[in-house]
């Protein structure tokens, strides 16, 4: 499903406001969401799935040999991860992965949302 068609379907199902709210919650450190309608479960779950990149970074940060701290390049080579400051984030990310799962490397939130939208 193309991005424009997906966006139209989300608007049609009044999900655009919910997606914005979930994104703002995550930006503010809130990871949970109460669903008041069954149609909200899919978008909340899809945006809670841990991306492959997040999972990879979290696993690297929490490797036992990293316990002393330091800085390491992300396996995706797009950032540097600091072991001590990012430790709490990595632990929360792995907990989220246990609950919501980890997306494959080539799957993003758009694909997860599109796969679950049905008429």
C-alpha atoms as a PDB file:
ATOM      1  CA  UNK A   1       0.000   0.000   0.000  1.00  0.00           C
ATOM      2  CA  UNK A   2       1.450   3.332  -1.003  1.00  0.00           C
ATOM      3  CA  UNK A   3       1.936   6.030   1.622  1.00  0.00           C
ATOM      4  CA  UNK A   4      -0.748   8.336   0.173  1.00  0.00           C
ATOM      5  CA  UNK A   5      -3.334   5.549   0.028  1.00  0.00           C
ATOM      6  CA  UNK A   6      -2.449   4.502   3.569  1.00  0.00           C
ATOM      7  CA  UNK A   7      -2.807   8.076   4.799  1.00  0.00           C
ATOM      8  CA  UNK A   8      -6.236   8.347   3.137  1.00  0.00           C
ATOM      9  CA  UNK A   9      -7.367   5.099   4.797  1.00  0.00           C
ATOM     10  CA  UNK A  10      -6.127   6.268   8.192  1.00  0.00           C
ATOM     11  CA  UNK A  11      -8.030   9.543   7.822  1.00  0.00           C
ATOM     12  CA  UNK A  12     -11.087   7.670   6.585  1.00  0.00           C
ATOM     13  CA  UNK A  13     -11.003   5.531   9.748  1.00  0.00           C
ATOM     14  CA  UNK A  14     -10.292   8.602  11.959  1.00  0.00           C
ATOM     15  CA  UNK A  15      -6.923   7.173  13.011  1.00  0.00           C
ATOM     16  CA  UNK A  16      -4.715  10.157  12.141  1.00  0.00           C
ATOM     17  CA  UNK A  17      -5.420  11.888  15.469  1.00  0.00           C
ATOM     18  CA  UNK A  18      -4.701   8.699  17.411  1.00  0.00           C
ATOM     19  CA  UNK A  19      -1.394   8.182  15.572  1.00  0.00           C
ATOM     20  CA  UNK A  20      -0.358  11.767  16.299  1.00  0.00           C
ATOM     21  CA  UNK A  21      -1.256  11.312  19.960  1.00  0.00           C
ATOM     22  CA  UNK A  22       0.759   8.078  20.205  1.00  0.00           C
ATOM     23  CA  UNK A  23       3.765   9.772  18.570  1.00  0.00           C
ATOM     24  CA  UNK A  24       3.562  12.701  20.986  1.00  0.00           C
ATOM     25  CA  UNK A  25       3.257  10.296  23.931  1.00  0.00           C
ATOM     26  CA  UNK A  26       6.398   8.440  22.833  1.00  0.00           C
ATOM     27  CA  UNK A  27       8.293  11.709  22.354  1.00  0.00           C
ATOM     28  CA  UNK A  28       7.383  12.593  25.946  1.00  0.00           C
ATOM     29  CA  UNK A  29       8.463   9.215  27.326  1.00  0.00           C
ATOM     30  CA  UNK A  30       5.008   7.675  27.720  1.00  0.00           C
ATOM     31  CA  UNK A  31       4.905   4.142  26.375  1.00  0.00           C
ATOM     32  CA  UNK A  32       1.473   2.897  27.393  1.00  0.00           C
ATOM     33  CA  UNK A  33      -1.883   3.717  25.847  1.00  0.00           C
ATOM     34  CA  UNK A  34      -5.402   2.853  26.903  1.00  0.00           C
ATOM     35  CA  UNK A  35      -7.556   1.704  23.988  1.00  0.00           C
ATOM     36  CA  UNK A  36     -11.195   2.734  24.289  1.00  0.00           C
ATOM     37  CA  UNK A  37     -12.241   1.110  21.032  1.00  0.00           C
ATOM     38  CA  UNK A  38     -11.157  -2.178  19.414  1.00  0.00           C
ATOM     39  CA  UNK A  39     -10.098  -0.290  16.271  1.00  0.00           C
ATOM     40  CA  UNK A  40      -7.396   1.457  18.323  1.00  0.00           C
ATOM     41  CA  UNK A  41      -5.552  -1.743  19.224  1.00  0.00           C
ATOM     42  CA  UNK A  42      -3.804  -2.215  15.862  1.00  0.00           C
ATOM     43  CA  UNK A  43      -2.305   1.288  15.600  1.00  0.00           C
ATOM     44  CA  UNK A  44      -1.256   1.309  19.259  1.00  0.00           C
ATOM     45  CA  UNK A  45       0.369  -2.094  18.884  1.00  0.00           C
ATOM     46  CA  UNK A  46       2.012  -1.245  15.538  1.00  0.00           C
ATOM     47  CA  UNK A  47       3.605   1.898  16.972  1.00  0.00           C
ATOM     48  CA  UNK A  48       4.782  -0.039  20.034  1.00  0.00           C
ATOM     49  CA  UNK A  49       6.711  -2.666  18.071  1.00  0.00           C
ATOM     50  CA  UNK A  50      10.461  -2.199  18.469  1.00  0.00           C
ATOM     51  CA  UNK A  51      12.238  -1.395  15.226  1.00  0.00           C
ATOM     52  CA  UNK A  52      15.118  -3.600  14.201  1.00  0.00           C
ATOM     53  CA  UNK A  53      17.472  -0.628  14.574  1.00  0.00           C
ATOM     54  CA  UNK A  54      16.311   0.099  18.144  1.00  0.00           C
ATOM     55  CA  UNK A  55      16.654  -3.575  19.058  1.00  0.00           C
ATOM     56  CA  UNK A  56      20.137  -3.797  17.571  1.00  0.00           C
ATOM     57  CA  UNK A  57      21.298  -0.683  19.439  1.00  0.00           C
ATOM     58  CA  UNK A  58      19.776  -1.854  22.733  1.00  0.00           C
ATOM     59  CA  UNK A  59      21.426  -5.281  22.489  1.00  0.00           C
ATOM     60  CA  UNK A  60      24.814  -3.689  21.721  1.00  0.00           C
ATOM     61  CA  UNK A  61      24.547  -1.262  24.642  1.00  0.00           C
ATOM     62  CA  UNK A  62      23.679  -4.052  27.090  1.00  0.00           C
ATOM     63  CA  UNK A  63      26.417  -6.484  26.069  1.00  0.00           C
ATOM     64  CA  UNK A  64      28.285  -7.507  29.263  1.00  0.00           C
ATOM     65  CA  UNK A  65      31.641  -6.248  28.000  1.00  0.00           C
ATOM     66  CA  UNK A  66      30.077  -2.779  27.651  1.00  0.00           C
ATOM     67  CA  UNK A  67      29.428  -2.556  31.410  1.00  0.00           C
ATOM     68  CA  UNK A  68      32.318  -0.157  31.928  1.00  0.00           C
ATOM     69  CA  UNK A  69      30.845   2.448  29.641  1.00  0.00           C
ATOM     70  CA  UNK A  70      32.235   4.054  26.538  1.00  0.00           C
ATOM     71  CA  UNK A  71      30.889   4.962  23.155  1.00  0.00           C
ATOM     72  CA  UNK A  72      30.153   2.647  20.246  1.00  0.00           C
ATOM     73  CA  UNK A  73      29.011   3.092  16.696  1.00  0.00           C
ATOM     74  CA  UNK A  74      25.532   1.835  15.911  1.00  0.00           C
ATOM     75  CA  UNK A  75      25.380  -1.255  13.697  1.00  0.00           C
ATOM     76  CA  UNK A  76      23.334   0.956  11.353  1.00  0.00           C
ATOM     77  CA  UNK A  77      26.303   3.381  11.311  1.00  0.00           C
ATOM     78  CA  UNK A  78      24.027   6.402  11.686  1.00  0.00           C
ATOM     79  CA  UNK A  79      24.765   7.326  15.290  1.00  0.00           C
ATOM     80  CA  UNK A  80      27.004   6.835  18.282  1.00  0.00           C
ATOM     81  CA  UNK A  81      25.569   5.150  21.386  1.00  0.00           C
ATOM     82  CA  UNK A  82      26.907   6.008  24.821  1.00  0.00           C
ATOM     83  CA  UNK A  83      26.737   2.925  27.021  1.00  0.00           C
ATOM     84  CA  UNK A  84      26.056   4.450  30.438  1.00  0.00           C
ATOM     85  CA  UNK A  85      23.620   7.235  29.448  1.00  0.00           C
ATOM     86  CA  UNK A  86      21.683   4.928  27.089  1.00  0.00           C
ATOM     87  CA  UNK A  87      21.532   1.906  29.420  1.00  0.00           C
ATOM     88  CA  UNK A  88      18.090   2.679  30.910  1.00  0.00           C
ATOM     89  CA  UNK A  89      16.692   3.291  27.409  1.00  0.00           C
ATOM     90  CA  UNK A  90      18.151  -0.024  26.205  1.00  0.00           C
ATOM     91  CA  UNK A  91      16.634  -1.936  29.124  1.00  0.00           C
ATOM     92  CA  UNK A  92      13.181  -0.399  28.491  1.00  0.00           C
ATOM     93  CA  UNK A  93      13.527  -1.128  24.774  1.00  0.00           C
ATOM     94  CA  UNK A  94      14.199  -4.825  25.386  1.00  0.00           C
ATOM     95  CA  UNK A  95      11.212  -5.012  27.740  1.00  0.00           C
ATOM     96  CA  UNK A  96       9.050  -3.425  25.036  1.00  0.00           C
ATOM     97  CA  UNK A  97      10.442  -5.956  22.546  1.00  0.00           C
ATOM     98  CA  UNK A  98       9.337  -8.813  24.808  1.00  0.00           C
ATOM     99  CA  UNK A  99       5.790  -7.495  24.878  1.00  0.00           C
ATOM    100  CA  UNK A 100       5.290  -6.124  21.346  1.00  0.00           C
ATOM    101  CA  UNK A 101       7.981  -7.889  19.333  1.00  0.00           C
ATOM    102  CA  UNK A 102      10.702  -6.688  16.992  1.00  0.00           C
ATOM    103  CA  UNK A 103      10.139  -5.735  13.376  1.00  0.00           C
ATOM    104  CA  UNK A 104      12.299  -7.274  10.672  1.00  0.00           C
ATOM    105  CA  UNK A 105      15.077  -5.055   9.340  1.00  0.00           C
ATOM    106  CA  UNK A 106      13.095  -4.089   6.242  1.00  0.00           C
ATOM    107  CA  UNK A 107       9.768  -3.479   8.003  1.00  0.00           C
ATOM    108  CA  UNK A 108       8.742  -0.120   9.436  1.00  0.00           C
ATOM    109  CA  UNK A 109       5.667   1.238  11.144  1.00  0.00           C
ATOM    110  CA  UNK A 110       4.030   2.122   7.826  1.00  0.00           C
ATOM    111  CA  UNK A 111       4.176  -1.515   6.708  1.00  0.00           C
ATOM    112  CA  UNK A 112       2.844  -2.701  10.080  1.00  0.00           C
ATOM    113  CA  UNK A 113      -0.076  -0.268   9.906  1.00  0.00           C
ATOM    114  CA  UNK A 114      -0.825  -1.082   6.266  1.00  0.00           C
ATOM    115  CA  UNK A 115      -0.795  -4.837   6.917  1.00  0.00           C
ATOM    116  CA  UNK A 116      -3.436  -4.505   9.607  1.00  0.00           C
ATOM    117  CA  UNK A 117      -5.831  -2.147   7.878  1.00  0.00           C
ATOM    118  CA  UNK A 118      -8.763  -3.974   6.401  1.00  0.00           C
ATOM    119  CA  UNK A 119     -12.172  -2.812   5.333  1.00  0.00           C
END
